[in-house]
């Protein structure tokens, strides 16, 4: 299943939105509202509802098929925007090696993303994706910080310090790996706010993430006019 909202950006660019939900559900407020926000910035965007309650690499393979489909329709620069488990999948698409250049991702924006399958935090998503007794090598191979290298695309990361479901450690681990390889990245940490904020409307300082992200996205996908403010 796939819902979409098409914007006014050049046809050569497209942003895929991946809602969170622990690999068990798709959070509605992290889907079409986010795509609508992106199209409001003048970008072409769509929501991709990846397979749920399945083992790795099925969600990644489905997302890669969607990226190839968009490329065949003329999209040259493709970015991913993901939240929580959707952020983990977005990161996998951006960082996991592929022999097919049609599957490449040019930029990634992750909100309170699960980045490590080696920690014990947010175990339910790990069990769904990897199984109850996933071996250490599989857990490491699906941890974003372990996949970073110098060829990684630019990342925008945001999180809140009060997130009890996916602790801030996840964002710090990925940011540290990106920094160690000199990969361009932006990190915003807000003092207050629970997990699963989505666009964070009315959520205090965390609501500022969309303004900061809009400026960053404009650098990745130049669009007519100034919609970042």
C-alpha atoms as a PDB file:
ATOM      1  CA  UNK A   1       0.000   0.000   0.000  1.00  0.00           C
ATOM      2  CA  UNK A   2       1.233   3.461  -0.719  1.00  0.00           C
ATOM      3  CA  UNK A   3      -0.183   6.919  -0.189  1.00  0.00           C
ATOM      4  CA  UNK A   4       1.321   9.916  -1.957  1.00  0.00           C
ATOM      5  CA  UNK A   5       1.199  13.669  -2.185  1.00  0.00           C
ATOM      6  CA  UNK A   6       2.928  15.188  -5.159  1.00  0.00           C
ATOM      7  CA  UNK A   7       4.647  18.562  -4.909  1.00  0.00           C
ATOM      8  CA  UNK A   8       6.085  21.195  -7.194  1.00  0.00           C
ATOM      9  CA  UNK A   9       9.797  20.385  -6.999  1.00  0.00           C
ATOM     10  CA  UNK A  10      11.678  19.501 -10.191  1.00  0.00           C
ATOM     11  CA  UNK A  11      10.733  16.024 -11.366  1.00  0.00           C
ATOM     12  CA  UNK A  12      14.368  14.964 -10.898  1.00  0.00           C
ATOM     13  CA  UNK A  13      14.021  15.036  -7.067  1.00  0.00           C
ATOM     14  CA  UNK A  14      11.758  13.112  -4.707  1.00  0.00           C
ATOM     15  CA  UNK A  15      11.469  12.530  -0.953  1.00  0.00           C
ATOM     16  CA  UNK A  16      10.123   9.272   0.511  1.00  0.00           C
ATOM     17  CA  UNK A  17       8.428   9.451   3.920  1.00  0.00           C
ATOM     18  CA  UNK A  18       8.671   6.391   6.177  1.00  0.00           C
ATOM     19  CA  UNK A  19       6.396   6.505   9.238  1.00  0.00           C
ATOM     20  CA  UNK A  20       7.396   4.863  12.501  1.00  0.00           C
ATOM     21  CA  UNK A  21       5.526   2.249  14.521  1.00  0.00           C
ATOM     22  CA  UNK A  22       8.105  -0.247  15.752  1.00  0.00           C
ATOM     23  CA  UNK A  23       7.925  -2.318  12.530  1.00  0.00           C
ATOM     24  CA  UNK A  24       4.465  -3.383  13.784  1.00  0.00           C
ATOM     25  CA  UNK A  25       2.230  -0.516  12.557  1.00  0.00           C
ATOM     26  CA  UNK A  26       2.503   2.683  10.517  1.00  0.00           C
ATOM     27  CA  UNK A  27       1.935   5.792  12.649  1.00  0.00           C
ATOM     28  CA  UNK A  28      -0.594   7.948  10.734  1.00  0.00           C
ATOM     29  CA  UNK A  29       0.705  11.292  12.044  1.00  0.00           C
ATOM     30  CA  UNK A  30       4.174  10.467  10.684  1.00  0.00           C
ATOM     31  CA  UNK A  31       2.847   9.699   7.195  1.00  0.00           C
ATOM     32  CA  UNK A  32       0.626  11.947   5.044  1.00  0.00           C
ATOM     33  CA  UNK A  33       0.968  15.040   7.321  1.00  0.00           C
ATOM     34  CA  UNK A  34       4.740  14.881   6.829  1.00  0.00           C
ATOM     35  CA  UNK A  35       4.403  14.434   3.070  1.00  0.00           C
ATOM     36  CA  UNK A  36       2.041  17.419   3.012  1.00  0.00           C
ATOM     37  CA  UNK A  37       4.597  19.493   4.912  1.00  0.00           C
ATOM     38  CA  UNK A  38       7.253  18.564   2.350  1.00  0.00           C
ATOM     39  CA  UNK A  39       5.037  19.399  -0.616  1.00  0.00           C
ATOM     40  CA  UNK A  40       4.276  22.697   1.121  1.00  0.00           C
ATOM     41  CA  UNK A  41       8.005  23.369   0.878  1.00  0.00           C
ATOM     42  CA  UNK A  42       7.754  22.819  -2.871  1.00  0.00           C
ATOM     43  CA  UNK A  43       9.177  19.309  -2.888  1.00  0.00           C
ATOM     44  CA  UNK A  44       7.878  16.154  -4.497  1.00  0.00           C
ATOM     45  CA  UNK A  45       7.098  13.663  -1.743  1.00  0.00           C
ATOM     46  CA  UNK A  46       5.233  10.434  -1.069  1.00  0.00           C
ATOM     47  CA  UNK A  47       4.587   8.051   1.802  1.00  0.00           C
ATOM     48  CA  UNK A  48       5.853   4.492   1.507  1.00  0.00           C
ATOM     49  CA  UNK A  49       4.191   1.908   3.716  1.00  0.00           C
ATOM     50  CA  UNK A  50       6.859  -0.753   3.980  1.00  0.00           C
ATOM     51  CA  UNK A  51       6.022  -4.361   4.990  1.00  0.00           C
ATOM     52  CA  UNK A  52       5.268  -4.883   8.691  1.00  0.00           C
ATOM     53  CA  UNK A  53       5.845  -7.794  11.065  1.00  0.00           C
ATOM     54  CA  UNK A  54       8.376  -9.363   8.738  1.00  0.00           C
ATOM     55  CA  UNK A  55      12.055 -10.167   9.045  1.00  0.00           C
ATOM     56  CA  UNK A  56      14.994  -8.259   7.642  1.00  0.00           C
ATOM     57  CA  UNK A  57      15.728  -7.667   4.802  1.00  0.00           C
ATOM     58  CA  UNK A  58      12.124  -7.657   3.530  1.00  0.00           C
ATOM     59  CA  UNK A  59      11.349  -4.008   4.472  1.00  0.00           C
ATOM     60  CA  UNK A  60      14.649  -2.854   2.978  1.00  0.00           C
ATOM     61  CA  UNK A  61      14.098  -4.799  -0.243  1.00  0.00           C
ATOM     62  CA  UNK A  62      10.617  -3.298  -0.594  1.00  0.00           C
ATOM     63  CA  UNK A  63      11.962   0.219  -0.069  1.00  0.00           C
ATOM     64  CA  UNK A  64      14.721  -0.356  -2.577  1.00  0.00           C
ATOM     65  CA  UNK A  65      12.142  -1.505  -5.127  1.00  0.00           C
ATOM     66  CA  UNK A  66      10.243   1.739  -4.509  1.00  0.00           C
ATOM     67  CA  UNK A  67      13.436   3.769  -4.987  1.00  0.00           C
ATOM     68  CA  UNK A  68      14.086   1.986  -8.275  1.00  0.00           C
ATOM     69  CA  UNK A  69      10.498   2.649  -9.354  1.00  0.00           C
ATOM     70  CA  UNK A  70      10.895   6.356  -8.685  1.00  0.00           C
ATOM     71  CA  UNK A  71      14.186   6.396 -10.571  1.00  0.00           C
ATOM     72  CA  UNK A  72      12.529   4.778 -13.551  1.00  0.00           C
ATOM     73  CA  UNK A  73       9.968   7.610 -13.449  1.00  0.00           C
ATOM     74  CA  UNK A  74      12.758  10.190 -13.692  1.00  0.00           C
ATOM     75  CA  UNK A  75      13.776  10.982 -10.117  1.00  0.00           C
ATOM     76  CA  UNK A  76      17.541  11.444  -9.958  1.00  0.00           C
ATOM     77  CA  UNK A  77      17.981  12.743  -6.390  1.00  0.00           C
ATOM     78  CA  UNK A  78      16.058  10.727  -3.821  1.00  0.00           C
ATOM     79  CA  UNK A  79      15.919  11.472  -0.126  1.00  0.00           C
ATOM     80  CA  UNK A  80      14.352   9.588   2.759  1.00  0.00           C
ATOM     81  CA  UNK A  81      12.573  11.014   5.813  1.00  0.00           C
ATOM     82  CA  UNK A  82      11.918   8.492   8.562  1.00  0.00           C
ATOM     83  CA  UNK A  83      10.718   8.391  12.153  1.00  0.00           C
ATOM     84  CA  UNK A  84      11.542   5.832  14.852  1.00  0.00           C
ATOM     85  CA  UNK A  85      11.510   2.406  13.110  1.00  0.00           C
ATOM     86  CA  UNK A  86      10.890   4.217   9.815  1.00  0.00           C
ATOM     87  CA  UNK A  87      14.051   6.178  10.573  1.00  0.00           C
ATOM     88  CA  UNK A  88      15.922   2.924  11.022  1.00  0.00           C
ATOM     89  CA  UNK A  89      14.706   1.720   7.642  1.00  0.00           C
ATOM     90  CA  UNK A  90      15.566   5.066   6.049  1.00  0.00           C
ATOM     91  CA  UNK A  91      19.064   4.779   7.472  1.00  0.00           C
ATOM     92  CA  UNK A  92      19.435   1.224   6.192  1.00  0.00           C
ATOM     93  CA  UNK A  93      18.494   2.382   2.690  1.00  0.00           C
ATOM     94  CA  UNK A  94      20.992   5.240   2.877  1.00  0.00           C
ATOM     95  CA  UNK A  95      23.874   3.214   4.329  1.00  0.00           C
ATOM     96  CA  UNK A  96      23.589  -0.455   3.308  1.00  0.00           C
ATOM     97  CA  UNK A  97      25.831  -1.219   0.334  1.00  0.00           C
ATOM     98  CA  UNK A  98      24.120  -2.000  -2.961  1.00  0.00           C
ATOM     99  CA  UNK A  99      25.491  -3.029  -6.330  1.00  0.00           C
ATOM    100  CA  UNK A 100      22.613  -1.239  -8.086  1.00  0.00           C
ATOM    101  CA  UNK A 101      23.138   2.540  -8.440  1.00  0.00           C
ATOM    102  CA  UNK A 102      19.377   2.948  -8.952  1.00  0.00           C
ATOM    103  CA  UNK A 103      18.943   2.179  -5.235  1.00  0.00           C
ATOM    104  CA  UNK A 104      21.145   5.013  -3.979  1.00  0.00           C
ATOM    105  CA  UNK A 105      19.875   7.615  -1.501  1.00  0.00           C
ATOM    106  CA  UNK A 106      21.212  11.172  -1.691  1.00  0.00           C
ATOM    107  CA  UNK A 107      20.143  12.476   1.746  1.00  0.00           C
ATOM    108  CA  UNK A 108      18.409  11.233   4.889  1.00  0.00           C
ATOM    109  CA  UNK A 109      16.397  12.959   7.608  1.00  0.00           C
ATOM    110  CA  UNK A 110      15.786  10.868  10.727  1.00  0.00           C
ATOM    111  CA  UNK A 111      13.540  11.760  13.658  1.00  0.00           C
ATOM    112  CA  UNK A 112      14.095   9.945  16.977  1.00  0.00           C
ATOM    113  CA  UNK A 113      15.276   6.981  14.959  1.00  0.00           C
ATOM    114  CA  UNK A 114      16.180   3.521  16.122  1.00  0.00           C
ATOM    115  CA  UNK A 115      19.775   3.381  14.937  1.00  0.00           C
ATOM    116  CA  UNK A 116      21.291   0.456  16.845  1.00  0.00           C
ATOM    117  CA  UNK A 117      20.184  -3.155  17.021  1.00  0.00           C
ATOM    118  CA  UNK A 118      23.068  -3.861  19.418  1.00  0.00           C
ATOM    119  CA  UNK A 119      21.526  -1.992  22.356  1.00  0.00           C
ATOM    120  CA  UNK A 120      18.651  -3.427  24.372  1.00  0.00           C
ATOM    121  CA  UNK A 121      16.506  -0.330  23.926  1.00  0.00           C
ATOM    122  CA  UNK A 122      13.240  -0.660  22.037  1.00  0.00           C
ATOM    123  CA  UNK A 123      13.561  -4.424  21.967  1.00  0.00           C
ATOM    124  CA  UNK A 124      10.099  -5.074  20.379  1.00  0.00           C
ATOM    125  CA  UNK A 125      11.186  -3.612  17.029  1.00  0.00           C
ATOM    126  CA  UNK A 126      14.394  -5.651  17.090  1.00  0.00           C
ATOM    127  CA  UNK A 127      12.524  -8.872  17.835  1.00  0.00           C
ATOM    128  CA  UNK A 128      10.107  -8.266  14.948  1.00  0.00           C
ATOM    129  CA  UNK A 129      12.869  -7.422  12.484  1.00  0.00           C
ATOM    130  CA  UNK A 130      15.613  -9.835  13.553  1.00  0.00           C
ATOM    131  CA  UNK A 131      13.972 -12.468  15.750  1.00  0.00           C
ATOM    132  CA  UNK A 132      14.184 -13.270  19.435  1.00  0.00           C
ATOM    133  CA  UNK A 133      17.715 -14.652  19.360  1.00  0.00           C
ATOM    134  CA  UNK A 134      19.385 -12.671  16.588  1.00  0.00           C
ATOM    135  CA  UNK A 135      23.119 -13.416  16.438  1.00  0.00           C
ATOM    136  CA  UNK A 136      25.564 -10.583  17.190  1.00  0.00           C
ATOM    137  CA  UNK A 137      26.733 -10.325  13.582  1.00  0.00           C
ATOM    138  CA  UNK A 138      23.178  -9.733  12.328  1.00  0.00           C
ATOM    139  CA  UNK A 139      22.496  -7.170  15.044  1.00  0.00           C
ATOM    140  CA  UNK A 140      25.653  -5.314  14.069  1.00  0.00           C
ATOM    141  CA  UNK A 141      24.939  -5.560  10.319  1.00  0.00           C
ATOM    142  CA  UNK A 142      21.600  -3.801  10.898  1.00  0.00           C
ATOM    143  CA  UNK A 143      22.978  -1.081  13.180  1.00  0.00           C
ATOM    144  CA  UNK A 144      23.322   2.210  11.341  1.00  0.00           C
ATOM    145  CA  UNK A 145      26.448   3.362  13.173  1.00  0.00           C
ATOM    146  CA  UNK A 146      28.223   0.172  12.045  1.00  0.00           C
ATOM    147  CA  UNK A 147      27.269   0.824   8.398  1.00  0.00           C
ATOM    148  CA  UNK A 148      28.632   4.368   8.106  1.00  0.00           C
ATOM    149  CA  UNK A 149      31.612   4.991   5.862  1.00  0.00           C
ATOM    150  CA  UNK A 150      33.059   7.956   4.001  1.00  0.00           C
ATOM    151  CA  UNK A 151      30.613   7.556   1.095  1.00  0.00           C
ATOM    152  CA  UNK A 152      27.506   8.032   3.278  1.00  0.00           C
ATOM    153  CA  UNK A 153      25.101  10.796   2.177  1.00  0.00           C
ATOM    154  CA  UNK A 154      24.318  13.871   4.334  1.00  0.00           C
ATOM    155  CA  UNK A 155      22.123  13.265   7.393  1.00  0.00           C
ATOM    156  CA  UNK A 156      19.793  15.455   9.461  1.00  0.00           C
ATOM    157  CA  UNK A 157      19.088  13.959  12.899  1.00  0.00           C
ATOM    158  CA  UNK A 158      16.725  15.175  15.595  1.00  0.00           C
ATOM    159  CA  UNK A 159      15.650  13.756  18.924  1.00  0.00           C
ATOM    160  CA  UNK A 160      14.393  14.751  22.373  1.00  0.00           C
ATOM    161  CA  UNK A 161      16.258  14.117  25.609  1.00  0.00           C
ATOM    162  CA  UNK A 162      13.066  12.875  27.297  1.00  0.00           C
ATOM    163  CA  UNK A 163      12.390  10.067  24.810  1.00  0.00           C
ATOM    164  CA  UNK A 164      12.019   6.907  26.915  1.00  0.00           C
ATOM    165  CA  UNK A 165      11.229   4.500  24.080  1.00  0.00           C
ATOM    166  CA  UNK A 166      14.180   5.248  21.809  1.00  0.00           C
ATOM    167  CA  UNK A 167      16.779   6.918  24.040  1.00  0.00           C
ATOM    168  CA  UNK A 168      18.941   9.752  22.778  1.00  0.00           C
ATOM    169  CA  UNK A 169      21.894   7.357  22.721  1.00  0.00           C
ATOM    170  CA  UNK A 170      20.654   6.106  19.352  1.00  0.00           C
ATOM    171  CA  UNK A 171      21.080   9.485  17.687  1.00  0.00           C
ATOM    172  CA  UNK A 172      24.425  10.094  19.414  1.00  0.00           C
ATOM    173  CA  UNK A 173      25.784   6.750  18.226  1.00  0.00           C
ATOM    174  CA  UNK A 174      24.937   7.528  14.605  1.00  0.00           C
ATOM    175  CA  UNK A 175      26.154  11.123  14.835  1.00  0.00           C
ATOM    176  CA  UNK A 176      29.459   9.959  16.290  1.00  0.00           C
ATOM    177  CA  UNK A 177      29.944   7.474  13.457  1.00  0.00           C
ATOM    178  CA  UNK A 178      29.129  10.117  10.844  1.00  0.00           C
ATOM    179  CA  UNK A 179      31.588  12.535  12.467  1.00  0.00           C
ATOM    180  CA  UNK A 180      34.337   9.919  12.569  1.00  0.00           C
ATOM    181  CA  UNK A 181      34.119   9.558   8.778  1.00  0.00           C
ATOM    182  CA  UNK A 182      33.729  13.269   8.075  1.00  0.00           C
ATOM    183  CA  UNK A 183      30.204  12.814   6.683  1.00  0.00           C
ATOM    184  CA  UNK A 184      28.124  16.007   6.534  1.00  0.00           C
ATOM    185  CA  UNK A 185      25.438  15.901   9.211  1.00  0.00           C
ATOM    186  CA  UNK A 186      23.233  18.124  11.345  1.00  0.00           C
ATOM    187  CA  UNK A 187      22.021  17.148  14.824  1.00  0.00           C
ATOM    188  CA  UNK A 188      19.265  18.844  16.856  1.00  0.00           C
ATOM    189  CA  UNK A 189      18.480  17.675  20.388  1.00  0.00           C
ATOM    190  CA  UNK A 190      15.555  19.218  22.251  1.00  0.00           C
ATOM    191  CA  UNK A 191      15.333  19.085  26.030  1.00  0.00           C
ATOM    192  CA  UNK A 192      11.647  18.238  26.264  1.00  0.00           C
ATOM    193  CA  UNK A 193       9.177  16.072  24.408  1.00  0.00           C
ATOM    194  CA  UNK A 194       8.074  12.426  24.284  1.00  0.00           C
ATOM    195  CA  UNK A 195       8.680   9.840  21.601  1.00  0.00           C
ATOM    196  CA  UNK A 196       6.662   9.917  18.368  1.00  0.00           C
ATOM    197  CA  UNK A 197       6.194  13.678  18.011  1.00  0.00           C
ATOM    198  CA  UNK A 198       5.912  13.695  14.223  1.00  0.00           C
ATOM    199  CA  UNK A 199       5.739  17.308  13.076  1.00  0.00           C
ATOM    200  CA  UNK A 200       5.753  18.275  16.786  1.00  0.00           C
ATOM    201  CA  UNK A 201       3.115  20.974  16.379  1.00  0.00           C
ATOM    202  CA  UNK A 202       2.593  22.739  19.699  1.00  0.00           C
ATOM    203  CA  UNK A 203       5.374  20.699  21.336  1.00  0.00           C
ATOM    204  CA  UNK A 204       7.447  23.620  22.565  1.00  0.00           C
ATOM    205  CA  UNK A 205      11.047  23.939  21.397  1.00  0.00           C
ATOM    206  CA  UNK A 206      10.865  20.610  19.561  1.00  0.00           C
ATOM    207  CA  UNK A 207       8.415  22.197  17.107  1.00  0.00           C
ATOM    208  CA  UNK A 208      11.427  24.085  15.736  1.00  0.00           C
ATOM    209  CA  UNK A 209      12.743  20.951  14.053  1.00  0.00           C
ATOM    210  CA  UNK A 210      10.657  21.522  10.921  1.00  0.00           C
ATOM    211  CA  UNK A 211      12.052  25.036  10.445  1.00  0.00           C
ATOM    212  CA  UNK A 212      15.625  23.797  10.805  1.00  0.00           C
ATOM    213  CA  UNK A 213      14.926  20.807   8.577  1.00  0.00           C
ATOM    214  CA  UNK A 214      13.349  22.985   5.890  1.00  0.00           C
ATOM    215  CA  UNK A 215      16.562  25.009   5.635  1.00  0.00           C
ATOM    216  CA  UNK A 216      18.630  21.846   5.467  1.00  0.00           C
ATOM    217  CA  UNK A 217      16.349  20.263   2.858  1.00  0.00           C
ATOM    218  CA  UNK A 218      16.601  23.379   0.706  1.00  0.00           C
ATOM    219  CA  UNK A 219      20.344  22.722   0.528  1.00  0.00           C
ATOM    220  CA  UNK A 220      19.743  19.134  -0.586  1.00  0.00           C
ATOM    221  CA  UNK A 221      16.932  19.896  -3.062  1.00  0.00           C
ATOM    222  CA  UNK A 222      16.926  23.519  -4.246  1.00  0.00           C
ATOM    223  CA  UNK A 223      13.360  24.649  -4.927  1.00  0.00           C
ATOM    224  CA  UNK A 224      11.884  27.906  -6.228  1.00  0.00           C
ATOM    225  CA  UNK A 225      11.144  30.504  -3.563  1.00  0.00           C
ATOM    226  CA  UNK A 226      12.087  30.656   0.102  1.00  0.00           C
ATOM    227  CA  UNK A 227       9.806  28.391   2.119  1.00  0.00           C
ATOM    228  CA  UNK A 228      12.266  27.639   4.920  1.00  0.00           C
ATOM    229  CA  UNK A 229      11.293  30.434   7.260  1.00  0.00           C
END
